[in-house]
C-alpha cells in the first residue's frame, strides 16, 4: 500500500542524508517525550493489518519547522508491505503454542487461535507434559511445530492495544487441518476410489 505521514526529523539527525533518515524513522522509529515517533514495521493497525515492511520512499517534501520544537517535519509518501487476513480466508501456518483451550498458530507476523472445539470433530484432550492436544477417538496429535491449514472465522485488530488483537480460526471443515491429516485423508480417498473402480471392473 502507498501511505502518507508527517515525519518528524529531530535536530540531531540534521546533516545526514534525508532519505536514509526518514527511511530509518519509518522502519524503526525513535522515542520522543515518552511517545513513539515512526516505527511502522511490526505494528498492527485495525485498518491496514500488520505492517511487515517499509519497501520504498516515494516522495519527501521540503519540510517545515515548528517554532519551539526545533525538528523538521516532512510530508512523506511511502510504500508499505502489509498483511490483513480477511474473514473466511484460508491460511497456512505453524503451531507456536499449545494451551488447554486451544492452539496458537502463526501466519506471517500474526497469531491466531484455534479453540479446542474448532480443531476436529473428535473430543480433544490436553496433554500438559507433551504440550499437545490429542483426539480421544482418533489419537491425532497437534503440537508445537505442526503445519496446519485453517479458515479465519473472526477478526478483531486493535491499533492501540496490539495484544488485544484477536484472530479466531477453525479446522473443522473439509480440506482443513494438520498437513499430515490432510495427506492421510487424500490417500484414504484415493484408496477408496481405486477399490470402487476395481469393483466396477470385476462386474
N, C-alpha and C. Protein backbone atom coordinates (compact mmCIF):
# COMPACT_ATOMS: atom_id res chain seq x y z
N UNK A 1 0.83 -1.18 0.00
CA UNK A 1 0.00 0.00 0.00
C UNK A 1 0.88 1.25 0.00
N UNK A 2 0.38 2.32 -0.61
CA UNK A 2 1.07 3.61 -0.57
C UNK A 2 0.42 4.43 0.53
N UNK A 3 1.22 4.86 1.50
CA UNK A 3 0.75 5.61 2.66
C UNK A 3 1.41 6.98 2.72
N UNK A 4 0.82 7.86 3.51
CA UNK A 4 1.40 9.19 3.72
C UNK A 4 1.46 9.48 5.21
N UNK A 5 2.52 10.18 5.63
CA UNK A 5 2.64 10.57 7.03
C UNK A 5 3.50 11.83 7.13
N UNK A 6 3.28 12.58 8.22
CA UNK A 6 4.13 13.73 8.52
C UNK A 6 5.23 13.23 9.44
N UNK A 7 6.45 13.16 8.91
CA UNK A 7 7.56 12.57 9.65
C UNK A 7 8.36 13.65 10.37
N UNK A 8 8.53 13.48 11.67
CA UNK A 8 9.34 14.41 12.48
C UNK A 8 10.79 13.96 12.47
N UNK A 9 11.66 14.85 11.97
CA UNK A 9 13.10 14.58 11.95
C UNK A 9 13.75 15.44 13.02
N UNK A 10 14.28 14.84 14.10
CA UNK A 10 14.87 15.63 15.19
C UNK A 10 16.16 16.33 14.77
N UNK A 11 16.51 17.43 15.45
CA UNK A 11 17.71 18.23 15.09
C UNK A 11 19.01 17.42 15.04
N UNK A 12 19.12 16.42 15.95
CA UNK A 12 20.37 15.64 15.98
C UNK A 12 20.58 14.79 14.73
N UNK A 13 19.52 14.66 13.92
CA UNK A 13 19.66 13.89 12.68
C UNK A 13 19.87 14.79 11.46
N UNK A 14 19.91 16.11 11.68
CA UNK A 14 20.18 17.03 10.56
C UNK A 14 21.60 16.78 10.05
N UNK A 15 21.80 16.99 8.76
CA UNK A 15 23.14 16.83 8.17
C UNK A 15 23.35 15.45 7.58
N UNK A 16 22.51 14.49 7.97
CA UNK A 16 22.59 13.14 7.39
C UNK A 16 21.67 13.09 6.17
N UNK A 17 21.91 12.17 5.23
CA UNK A 17 21.04 12.07 4.05
C UNK A 17 19.58 11.92 4.46
N UNK A 18 18.74 12.87 4.02
CA UNK A 18 17.34 12.92 4.45
C UNK A 18 16.57 11.63 4.14
N UNK A 19 16.79 11.08 2.94
CA UNK A 19 16.10 9.85 2.55
C UNK A 19 16.40 8.71 3.50
N UNK A 20 17.68 8.57 3.88
CA UNK A 20 18.09 7.49 4.79
C UNK A 20 17.50 7.70 6.18
N UNK A 21 17.51 8.96 6.64
CA UNK A 21 16.98 9.28 7.97
C UNK A 21 15.50 8.96 8.05
N UNK A 22 14.72 9.41 7.06
CA UNK A 22 13.28 9.18 7.06
C UNK A 22 12.96 7.69 6.90
N UNK A 23 13.71 7.00 6.06
CA UNK A 23 13.53 5.57 5.89
C UNK A 23 13.71 4.85 7.23
N UNK A 24 14.74 5.24 7.98
CA UNK A 24 15.02 4.61 9.27
C UNK A 24 13.93 4.95 10.30
N UNK A 25 13.46 6.20 10.28
CA UNK A 25 12.41 6.61 11.21
C UNK A 25 11.12 5.84 10.92
N UNK A 26 10.78 5.71 9.66
CA UNK A 26 9.56 4.98 9.29
C UNK A 26 9.66 3.50 9.68
N UNK A 27 10.84 2.92 9.51
CA UNK A 27 11.02 1.50 9.81
C UNK A 27 11.13 1.23 11.31
N UNK A 28 12.08 1.91 11.95
CA UNK A 28 12.42 1.61 13.34
C UNK A 28 11.80 2.59 14.34
N UNK A 29 11.79 3.88 13.98
CA UNK A 29 11.26 4.91 14.86
C UNK A 29 12.22 5.31 15.96
N UNK A 30 11.77 6.21 16.82
CA UNK A 30 12.56 6.64 17.97
C UNK A 30 11.61 7.20 19.03
N UNK A 31 12.11 7.30 20.26
CA UNK A 31 11.29 7.78 21.37
C UNK A 31 11.44 9.28 21.55
N UNK A 32 10.32 9.97 21.70
CA UNK A 32 10.35 11.43 21.88
C UNK A 32 9.28 11.82 22.90
N UNK A 33 9.74 12.35 24.04
CA UNK A 33 8.84 12.80 25.12
C UNK A 33 7.84 11.71 25.52
N UNK A 34 8.35 10.49 25.66
CA UNK A 34 7.52 9.40 26.13
C UNK A 34 6.60 8.77 25.10
N UNK A 35 6.68 9.24 23.85
CA UNK A 35 5.85 8.62 22.81
C UNK A 35 6.75 8.12 21.68
N UNK A 36 6.19 7.28 20.86
CA UNK A 36 6.96 6.67 19.76
C UNK A 36 6.68 7.43 18.48
N UNK A 37 7.76 7.86 17.83
CA UNK A 37 7.66 8.51 16.51
C UNK A 37 8.05 7.50 15.45
N UNK A 38 7.21 7.33 14.43
CA UNK A 38 7.53 6.38 13.35
C UNK A 38 7.47 4.94 13.83
N UNK A 39 8.40 4.15 13.30
CA UNK A 39 8.46 2.74 13.69
C UNK A 39 7.26 1.93 13.24
N UNK A 40 6.97 1.99 11.94
CA UNK A 40 5.81 1.28 11.41
C UNK A 40 5.98 -0.23 11.38
N UNK A 41 7.20 -0.69 11.08
CA UNK A 41 7.39 -2.13 10.88
C UNK A 41 7.06 -2.91 12.15
N UNK A 42 6.21 -3.93 11.98
CA UNK A 42 5.79 -4.75 13.10
C UNK A 42 4.53 -4.27 13.79
N UNK A 43 4.07 -3.07 13.44
CA UNK A 43 2.87 -2.54 14.06
C UNK A 43 1.61 -3.20 13.49
N UNK A 44 0.57 -3.22 14.31
CA UNK A 44 -0.73 -3.71 13.86
C UNK A 44 -1.69 -2.53 13.81
N UNK A 45 -2.35 -2.37 12.69
CA UNK A 45 -3.33 -1.31 12.51
C UNK A 45 -4.67 -1.95 12.17
N UNK A 46 -5.74 -1.48 12.81
CA UNK A 46 -7.04 -2.12 12.59
C UNK A 46 -7.53 -2.00 11.15
N UNK A 47 -7.06 -0.97 10.44
CA UNK A 47 -7.46 -0.79 9.04
C UNK A 47 -6.49 -1.45 8.06
N UNK A 48 -5.19 -1.33 8.34
CA UNK A 48 -4.16 -1.85 7.43
C UNK A 48 -3.83 -3.32 7.68
N UNK A 49 -3.95 -3.75 8.93
CA UNK A 49 -3.47 -5.08 9.31
C UNK A 49 -2.08 -4.97 9.89
N UNK A 50 -1.24 -5.95 9.65
CA UNK A 50 0.14 -5.94 10.15
C UNK A 50 1.05 -5.32 9.10
N UNK A 51 1.85 -4.35 9.52
CA UNK A 51 2.82 -3.72 8.61
C UNK A 51 4.10 -4.56 8.65
N UNK A 52 4.38 -5.25 7.55
CA UNK A 52 5.52 -6.17 7.51
C UNK A 52 6.82 -5.44 7.19
N UNK A 53 6.76 -4.49 6.26
CA UNK A 53 8.00 -3.80 5.85
C UNK A 53 7.67 -2.48 5.15
N UNK A 54 8.56 -1.51 5.31
CA UNK A 54 8.53 -0.28 4.51
C UNK A 54 9.45 -0.58 3.33
N UNK A 55 8.90 -0.58 2.14
CA UNK A 55 9.67 -1.06 0.98
C UNK A 55 10.26 0.05 0.11
N UNK A 56 9.65 1.25 0.13
CA UNK A 56 10.14 2.30 -0.76
C UNK A 56 9.63 3.66 -0.31
N UNK A 57 10.49 4.67 -0.38
CA UNK A 57 10.08 6.05 -0.13
C UNK A 57 9.76 6.68 -1.47
N UNK A 58 8.53 7.12 -1.65
CA UNK A 58 8.09 7.67 -2.94
C UNK A 58 8.37 9.17 -3.06
N UNK A 59 7.98 9.92 -2.03
CA UNK A 59 8.14 11.39 -2.08
C UNK A 59 8.43 11.93 -0.68
N UNK A 60 9.30 12.96 -0.62
CA UNK A 60 9.56 13.68 0.63
C UNK A 60 9.50 15.17 0.29
N UNK A 61 8.64 15.91 0.99
CA UNK A 61 8.57 17.34 0.67
C UNK A 61 9.70 18.10 1.36
N UNK A 62 9.80 19.41 1.10
CA UNK A 62 10.91 20.22 1.64
C UNK A 62 10.87 20.34 3.15
N UNK A 63 9.70 20.17 3.72
CA UNK A 63 9.59 20.19 5.17
C UNK A 63 9.38 21.57 5.75
N UNK A 64 9.03 21.61 7.01
CA UNK A 64 8.83 22.87 7.72
C UNK A 64 9.25 22.71 9.17
N UNK A 65 9.57 23.84 9.81
CA UNK A 65 9.99 23.84 11.21
C UNK A 65 8.89 24.51 12.04
N UNK A 66 8.54 23.86 13.16
CA UNK A 66 7.52 24.41 14.06
C UNK A 66 8.23 25.15 15.19
N UNK A 67 7.93 26.43 15.41
CA UNK A 67 8.57 27.20 16.49
C UNK A 67 8.44 26.51 17.84
N UNK A 68 9.54 26.45 18.58
CA UNK A 68 9.54 25.83 19.90
C UNK A 68 9.86 24.36 19.90
N UNK A 69 9.92 23.75 18.69
CA UNK A 69 10.24 22.32 18.62
C UNK A 69 11.68 22.12 18.16
N UNK A 70 12.04 22.75 17.04
CA UNK A 70 13.41 22.62 16.53
C UNK A 70 13.57 21.50 15.52
N UNK A 71 12.60 20.59 15.45
CA UNK A 71 12.66 19.49 14.49
C UNK A 71 12.09 19.93 13.16
N UNK A 72 12.40 19.19 12.11
CA UNK A 72 11.83 19.44 10.78
C UNK A 72 10.74 18.41 10.53
N UNK A 73 9.63 18.87 9.94
CA UNK A 73 8.51 17.98 9.64
C UNK A 73 8.34 17.85 8.14
N UNK A 74 8.39 16.60 7.65
CA UNK A 74 8.33 16.34 6.21
C UNK A 74 7.13 15.47 5.87
N UNK A 75 6.27 15.98 5.00
CA UNK A 75 5.21 15.12 4.46
C UNK A 75 5.87 14.07 3.58
N UNK A 76 5.61 12.82 3.85
CA UNK A 76 6.30 11.73 3.16
C UNK A 76 5.30 10.72 2.62
N UNK A 77 5.50 10.35 1.37
CA UNK A 77 4.69 9.29 0.76
C UNK A 77 5.58 8.07 0.63
N UNK A 78 5.10 6.92 1.13
CA UNK A 78 5.94 5.74 1.13
C UNK A 78 5.11 4.47 0.87
N UNK A 79 5.82 3.43 0.46
CA UNK A 79 5.18 2.16 0.14
C UNK A 79 5.43 1.17 1.27
N UNK A 80 4.37 0.49 1.69
CA UNK A 80 4.49 -0.49 2.77
C UNK A 80 3.90 -1.83 2.35
N UNK A 81 4.54 -2.89 2.79
CA UNK A 81 4.01 -4.24 2.58
C UNK A 81 3.19 -4.60 3.81
N UNK A 82 1.90 -4.84 3.61
CA UNK A 82 1.01 -5.11 4.74
C UNK A 82 0.31 -6.46 4.55
N UNK A 83 -0.14 -7.01 5.67
CA UNK A 83 -0.88 -8.26 5.62
C UNK A 83 -2.10 -8.15 6.53
N UNK A 84 -3.28 -8.23 5.93
CA UNK A 84 -4.51 -8.19 6.70
C UNK A 84 -5.38 -9.38 6.32
N UNK A 85 -5.50 -10.34 7.24
CA UNK A 85 -6.33 -11.51 6.91
C UNK A 85 -7.79 -11.11 6.74
N UNK A 86 -8.49 -11.78 5.84
CA UNK A 86 -9.89 -11.49 5.58
C UNK A 86 -10.76 -12.59 6.21
N UNK A 87 -11.96 -12.22 6.56
CA UNK A 87 -12.92 -13.18 7.11
C UNK A 87 -13.16 -14.29 6.09
N UNK A 88 -13.14 -15.54 6.52
CA UNK A 88 -13.33 -16.75 5.71
C UNK A 88 -12.10 -17.12 4.86
N UNK A 89 -11.03 -16.33 4.95
CA UNK A 89 -9.81 -16.64 4.19
C UNK A 89 -9.17 -17.90 4.75
N UNK A 90 -8.58 -18.71 3.87
CA UNK A 90 -7.87 -19.93 4.29
C UNK A 90 -6.38 -19.61 4.36
N UNK A 91 -5.77 -19.96 5.50
CA UNK A 91 -4.37 -19.62 5.74
C UNK A 91 -3.58 -20.86 6.16
N UNK A 92 -2.32 -20.93 5.72
CA UNK A 92 -1.40 -21.95 6.19
C UNK A 92 -0.52 -21.34 7.26
N UNK A 93 -0.33 -22.05 8.36
CA UNK A 93 0.50 -21.51 9.43
C UNK A 93 1.17 -22.61 10.23
N UNK A 94 1.88 -22.19 11.28
CA UNK A 94 2.60 -23.13 12.14
C UNK A 94 2.13 -22.97 13.58
N UNK A 95 1.91 -24.08 14.24
CA UNK A 95 1.52 -24.04 15.66
C UNK A 95 2.72 -23.57 16.48
N UNK A 96 2.51 -22.48 17.25
CA UNK A 96 3.62 -21.92 18.04
C UNK A 96 3.42 -22.10 19.54
N UNK A 97 2.17 -22.41 19.93
CA UNK A 97 1.90 -22.63 21.36
C UNK A 97 0.64 -23.47 21.53
N UNK A 98 0.73 -24.40 22.49
CA UNK A 98 -0.42 -25.23 22.83
C UNK A 98 -0.83 -24.90 24.26
N UNK A 99 -2.13 -24.62 24.44
CA UNK A 99 -2.66 -24.36 25.77
C UNK A 99 -3.89 -25.25 25.97
N UNK A 100 -4.41 -25.25 27.17
CA UNK A 100 -5.53 -26.14 27.49
C UNK A 100 -6.76 -25.87 26.61
N UNK A 101 -6.94 -24.59 26.23
CA UNK A 101 -8.14 -24.24 25.48
C UNK A 101 -7.95 -24.19 23.97
N UNK A 102 -6.73 -24.50 23.50
CA UNK A 102 -6.54 -24.49 22.05
C UNK A 102 -5.09 -24.36 21.61
N UNK A 103 -4.92 -24.00 20.33
CA UNK A 103 -3.59 -23.89 19.74
C UNK A 103 -3.44 -22.52 19.09
N UNK A 104 -2.29 -21.88 19.35
CA UNK A 104 -1.98 -20.61 18.69
C UNK A 104 -1.16 -20.90 17.44
N UNK A 105 -1.62 -20.33 16.33
CA UNK A 105 -1.00 -20.58 15.02
C UNK A 105 -0.45 -19.27 14.47
N UNK A 106 0.80 -19.30 14.00
CA UNK A 106 1.42 -18.10 13.42
C UNK A 106 1.39 -18.17 11.91
N UNK A 107 0.92 -17.09 11.30
CA UNK A 107 0.95 -16.94 9.84
C UNK A 107 1.42 -15.53 9.57
N UNK A 108 2.53 -15.42 8.83
CA UNK A 108 3.13 -14.09 8.64
C UNK A 108 3.60 -13.58 9.98
N UNK A 109 3.19 -12.35 10.33
CA UNK A 109 3.60 -11.77 11.62
C UNK A 109 2.47 -11.80 12.63
N UNK A 110 1.39 -12.50 12.32
CA UNK A 110 0.23 -12.54 13.21
C UNK A 110 0.01 -13.94 13.78
N UNK A 111 -0.64 -13.97 14.93
CA UNK A 111 -1.02 -15.25 15.55
C UNK A 111 -2.54 -15.34 15.62
N UNK A 112 -3.06 -16.53 15.40
CA UNK A 112 -4.49 -16.78 15.53
C UNK A 112 -4.71 -17.95 16.46
N UNK A 113 -5.91 -18.03 17.02
CA UNK A 113 -6.24 -19.11 17.95
C UNK A 113 -7.24 -20.08 17.33
N UNK A 114 -6.89 -21.37 17.43
CA UNK A 114 -7.85 -22.43 17.09
C UNK A 114 -8.32 -23.01 18.42
N UNK A 115 -9.55 -22.71 18.78
CA UNK A 115 -10.10 -23.22 20.03
C UNK A 115 -10.24 -24.75 19.93
N UNK A 116 -10.17 -25.43 21.07
CA UNK A 116 -10.26 -26.91 21.06
C UNK A 116 -11.51 -27.40 20.33
N UNK A 117 -12.58 -26.63 20.43
CA UNK A 117 -13.83 -27.03 19.78
C UNK A 117 -13.78 -26.90 18.26
N UNK A 118 -12.73 -26.22 17.76
CA UNK A 118 -12.62 -25.99 16.32
C UNK A 118 -11.48 -26.76 15.67
N UNK A 119 -10.89 -27.71 16.41
CA UNK A 119 -9.76 -28.48 15.86
C UNK A 119 -10.24 -29.65 15.01
N UNK A 120 -11.05 -30.52 15.59
CA UNK A 120 -11.63 -31.65 14.85
C UNK A 120 -13.01 -31.94 15.43
N UNK A 121 -13.69 -32.91 14.84
CA UNK A 121 -14.98 -33.35 15.38
C UNK A 121 -14.78 -34.24 16.60
N UNK A 122 -13.56 -34.71 16.80
CA UNK A 122 -13.22 -35.60 17.91
C UNK A 122 -13.16 -34.81 19.24
N UNK A 123 -13.33 -35.53 20.36
CA UNK A 123 -13.16 -34.91 21.67
C UNK A 123 -11.67 -34.73 21.90
N UNK A 124 -11.25 -33.53 22.30
CA UNK A 124 -9.82 -33.21 22.43
C UNK A 124 -9.38 -33.24 23.89
N UNK A 125 -8.26 -33.92 24.13
CA UNK A 125 -7.65 -33.99 25.47
C UNK A 125 -6.35 -33.19 25.46
N UNK A 126 -6.14 -32.40 26.51
CA UNK A 126 -4.90 -31.62 26.65
C UNK A 126 -3.88 -32.42 27.44
N UNK A 127 -2.73 -32.68 26.82
CA UNK A 127 -1.63 -33.39 27.48
C UNK A 127 -0.58 -32.35 27.86
N UNK A 128 -0.57 -31.99 29.15
CA UNK A 128 0.32 -30.93 29.63
C UNK A 128 1.79 -31.29 29.48
N UNK A 129 2.14 -32.56 29.79
CA UNK A 129 3.54 -33.00 29.70
C UNK A 129 4.08 -32.89 28.28
N UNK A 130 3.29 -33.34 27.32
CA UNK A 130 3.72 -33.30 25.91
C UNK A 130 3.47 -31.96 25.25
N UNK A 131 2.71 -31.10 25.95
CA UNK A 131 2.26 -29.84 25.37
C UNK A 131 1.60 -30.13 24.02
N UNK A 132 0.58 -30.98 24.10
CA UNK A 132 -0.10 -31.43 22.89
C UNK A 132 -1.60 -31.55 23.13
N UNK A 133 -2.35 -31.46 22.03
CA UNK A 133 -3.79 -31.70 22.06
C UNK A 133 -4.03 -33.00 21.30
N UNK A 134 -4.75 -33.94 21.91
CA UNK A 134 -4.89 -35.29 21.34
C UNK A 134 -6.36 -35.65 21.19
N UNK A 135 -6.72 -36.18 20.02
CA UNK A 135 -8.09 -36.65 19.78
C UNK A 135 -8.34 -37.95 20.52
N UNK A 136 -9.44 -38.00 21.30
CA UNK A 136 -9.72 -39.18 22.12
C UNK A 136 -9.97 -40.43 21.29
N UNK A 137 -10.71 -40.31 20.19
CA UNK A 137 -11.04 -41.46 19.35
C UNK A 137 -9.97 -41.73 18.28
N UNK A 138 -9.49 -40.66 17.66
CA UNK A 138 -8.56 -40.83 16.52
C UNK A 138 -7.10 -40.89 16.92
N UNK A 139 -6.78 -40.43 18.16
CA UNK A 139 -5.39 -40.33 18.62
C UNK A 139 -4.55 -39.37 17.78
N UNK A 140 -5.21 -38.51 17.03
CA UNK A 140 -4.48 -37.49 16.27
C UNK A 140 -3.89 -36.46 17.24
N UNK A 141 -2.62 -36.09 16.98
CA UNK A 141 -1.90 -35.21 17.90
C UNK A 141 -1.61 -33.87 17.21
N UNK A 142 -1.84 -32.78 17.94
CA UNK A 142 -1.49 -31.45 17.47
C UNK A 142 -0.52 -30.86 18.48
N UNK A 143 0.68 -30.46 18.01
CA UNK A 143 1.69 -29.92 18.91
C UNK A 143 2.49 -28.81 18.24
N UNK A 144 3.35 -28.17 19.03
CA UNK A 144 4.16 -27.05 18.53
C UNK A 144 5.02 -27.52 17.35
N UNK A 145 5.05 -26.70 16.31
CA UNK A 145 5.84 -27.04 15.12
C UNK A 145 5.03 -27.63 13.99
N UNK A 146 3.81 -28.09 14.31
CA UNK A 146 2.95 -28.68 13.28
C UNK A 146 2.48 -27.60 12.30
N UNK A 147 2.43 -27.96 11.02
CA UNK A 147 1.92 -27.07 9.98
C UNK A 147 0.44 -27.38 9.77
N UNK A 148 -0.37 -26.32 9.73
CA UNK A 148 -1.81 -26.52 9.61
C UNK A 148 -2.42 -25.58 8.56
N UNK A 149 -3.60 -25.97 8.11
CA UNK A 149 -4.40 -25.12 7.21
C UNK A 149 -5.72 -24.83 7.91
N UNK A 150 -6.03 -23.53 8.06
CA UNK A 150 -7.23 -23.14 8.81
C UNK A 150 -7.96 -22.00 8.12
N UNK A 151 -9.20 -21.82 8.53
CA UNK A 151 -10.03 -20.73 7.98
C UNK A 151 -10.28 -19.68 9.06
N UNK A 152 -10.22 -18.40 8.66
CA UNK A 152 -10.49 -17.29 9.58
C UNK A 152 -12.00 -17.19 9.81
N UNK A 153 -12.40 -17.23 11.08
CA UNK A 153 -13.84 -17.13 11.40
C UNK A 153 -14.18 -15.84 12.16
N UNK A 154 -13.18 -15.17 12.71
CA UNK A 154 -13.43 -13.90 13.40
C UNK A 154 -12.13 -13.10 13.47
N UNK A 155 -12.25 -11.77 13.29
CA UNK A 155 -11.08 -10.88 13.34
C UNK A 155 -11.42 -9.65 14.17
N UNK A 156 -10.51 -9.30 15.06
CA UNK A 156 -10.64 -8.06 15.82
C UNK A 156 -9.23 -7.51 16.04
N UNK A 157 -8.82 -6.55 15.19
CA UNK A 157 -7.48 -5.96 15.30
C UNK A 157 -7.57 -4.64 16.05
N UNK A 158 -6.60 -4.41 16.92
CA UNK A 158 -6.56 -3.17 17.71
C UNK A 158 -5.24 -2.45 17.48
N UNK A 159 -5.31 -1.17 17.06
CA UNK A 159 -4.11 -0.37 16.84
C UNK A 159 -3.49 0.06 18.17
N UNK A 160 -4.35 0.40 19.14
CA UNK A 160 -3.86 0.92 20.42
C UNK A 160 -3.31 -0.19 21.31
N UNK A 161 -4.03 -1.30 21.41
CA UNK A 161 -3.61 -2.40 22.27
C UNK A 161 -3.43 -3.65 21.41
N UNK A 162 -2.22 -3.77 20.84
CA UNK A 162 -1.95 -4.85 19.89
C UNK A 162 -2.15 -6.24 20.51
N UNK A 163 -1.87 -6.35 21.81
CA UNK A 163 -2.01 -7.65 22.48
C UNK A 163 -3.47 -8.09 22.58
N UNK A 164 -4.37 -7.14 22.43
CA UNK A 164 -5.80 -7.46 22.49
C UNK A 164 -6.37 -7.84 21.12
N UNK A 165 -5.53 -7.76 20.08
CA UNK A 165 -5.97 -8.18 18.75
C UNK A 165 -6.26 -9.67 18.76
N UNK A 166 -7.36 -10.06 18.14
CA UNK A 166 -7.74 -11.48 18.15
C UNK A 166 -8.11 -11.94 16.74
N UNK A 167 -7.59 -13.12 16.40
CA UNK A 167 -7.96 -13.76 15.14
C UNK A 167 -8.34 -15.20 15.50
N UNK A 168 -9.59 -15.55 15.25
CA UNK A 168 -10.06 -16.90 15.57
C UNK A 168 -10.12 -17.75 14.29
N UNK A 169 -9.69 -18.99 14.42
CA UNK A 169 -9.58 -19.90 13.28
C UNK A 169 -10.36 -21.19 13.52
N UNK A 170 -10.67 -21.88 12.44
CA UNK A 170 -11.28 -23.20 12.55
C UNK A 170 -10.60 -24.18 11.60
N UNK A 171 -10.58 -25.46 12.01
CA UNK A 171 -10.09 -26.53 11.13
C UNK A 171 -11.18 -27.58 10.95
N UNK A 172 -12.40 -27.27 11.39
CA UNK A 172 -13.50 -28.25 11.33
C UNK A 172 -14.30 -28.12 10.04
N UNK A 173 -13.61 -28.12 8.93
CA UNK A 173 -14.26 -28.08 7.62
C UNK A 173 -13.44 -28.93 6.66
N UNK A 174 -14.05 -29.46 5.61
CA UNK A 174 -13.29 -30.27 4.64
C UNK A 174 -12.12 -29.48 4.06
N UNK A 175 -10.99 -30.17 3.92
CA UNK A 175 -9.80 -29.55 3.34
C UNK A 175 -8.97 -28.75 4.32
N UNK A 176 -9.37 -28.75 5.59
CA UNK A 176 -8.62 -28.02 6.62
C UNK A 176 -8.07 -29.01 7.64
N UNK A 177 -7.01 -28.58 8.34
CA UNK A 177 -6.43 -29.42 9.39
C UNK A 177 -4.91 -29.45 9.32
N UNK A 178 -4.33 -30.30 10.13
CA UNK A 178 -2.89 -30.52 10.12
C UNK A 178 -2.50 -31.13 8.78
N UNK A 179 -1.38 -30.71 8.22
CA UNK A 179 -0.98 -31.18 6.88
C UNK A 179 -0.95 -32.70 6.79
N UNK A 180 -0.44 -33.37 7.84
CA UNK A 180 -0.37 -34.84 7.83
C UNK A 180 -1.77 -35.45 7.77
N UNK A 181 -2.74 -34.83 8.47
CA UNK A 181 -4.11 -35.34 8.44
C UNK A 181 -4.70 -35.21 7.05
N UNK A 182 -4.41 -34.09 6.41
CA UNK A 182 -4.93 -33.86 5.05
C UNK A 182 -4.35 -34.87 4.07
N UNK A 183 -3.07 -35.19 4.26
CA UNK A 183 -2.40 -36.18 3.39
C UNK A 183 -3.02 -37.56 3.60
N UNK A 184 -3.30 -37.89 4.87
CA UNK A 184 -3.92 -39.18 5.19
C UNK A 184 -5.31 -39.29 4.54
N UNK A 185 -6.07 -38.20 4.64
CA UNK A 185 -7.42 -38.18 4.06
C UNK A 185 -7.36 -38.32 2.54
N UNK A 186 -6.37 -37.68 1.94
CA UNK A 186 -6.20 -37.75 0.48
C UNK A 186 -5.90 -39.19 0.04
N UNK A 187 -4.98 -39.83 0.77
CA UNK A 187 -4.62 -41.21 0.43
C UNK A 187 -5.81 -42.16 0.66
N UNK A 188 -6.57 -41.88 1.72
CA UNK A 188 -7.74 -42.71 2.02
C UNK A 188 -8.79 -42.60 0.91
N UNK A 189 -9.00 -41.37 0.42
CA UNK A 189 -9.95 -41.15 -0.67
C UNK A 189 -9.49 -41.83 -1.96
N UNK A 190 -8.17 -41.71 -2.23
CA UNK A 190 -7.61 -42.33 -3.43
C UNK A 190 -7.76 -43.86 -3.37
N UNK A 191 -7.54 -44.41 -2.17
CA UNK A 191 -7.70 -45.86 -1.97
C UNK A 191 -9.13 -46.30 -2.18
N UNK A 192 -10.07 -45.50 -1.67
CA UNK A 192 -11.50 -45.82 -1.83
C UNK A 192 -11.91 -45.76 -3.29
N UNK A 193 -11.36 -44.80 -4.02
CA UNK A 193 -11.67 -44.65 -5.46
C UNK A 193 -11.14 -45.85 -6.24
N UNK A 194 -9.94 -46.30 -5.89
CA UNK A 194 -9.34 -47.46 -6.56
C UNK A 194 -10.16 -48.72 -6.32
N UNK A 195 -10.60 -48.86 -5.05
CA UNK A 195 -11.42 -50.03 -4.69
C UNK A 195 -12.73 -50.02 -5.46
N UNK A 196 -13.31 -48.85 -5.58
CA UNK A 196 -14.58 -48.69 -6.29
C UNK A 196 -14.42 -49.04 -7.76
N UNK A 197 -13.28 -48.54 -8.33
CA UNK A 197 -13.01 -48.79 -9.74
C UNK A 197 -12.77 -50.28 -9.99
N UNK A 198 -12.03 -50.91 -9.08
CA UNK A 198 -11.74 -52.35 -9.19
C UNK A 198 -13.02 -53.17 -9.09
N UNK A 199 -13.91 -52.76 -8.21
CA UNK A 199 -15.20 -53.47 -8.04
C UNK A 199 -16.04 -53.36 -9.30
N UNK A 200 -16.01 -52.21 -9.97
CA UNK A 200 -16.76 -51.99 -11.21
C UNK A 200 -16.21 -52.87 -12.33
N UNK A 201 -14.88 -52.95 -12.40
CA UNK A 201 -14.22 -53.75 -13.46
C UNK A 201 -14.51 -55.23 -13.29
N UNK A 202 -14.63 -55.68 -12.04
CA UNK A 202 -14.92 -57.09 -11.77
C UNK A 202 -16.32 -57.47 -12.25
N UNK A 203 -17.24 -56.51 -12.15
CA UNK A 203 -18.61 -56.73 -12.63
C UNK A 203 -18.65 -56.86 -14.14
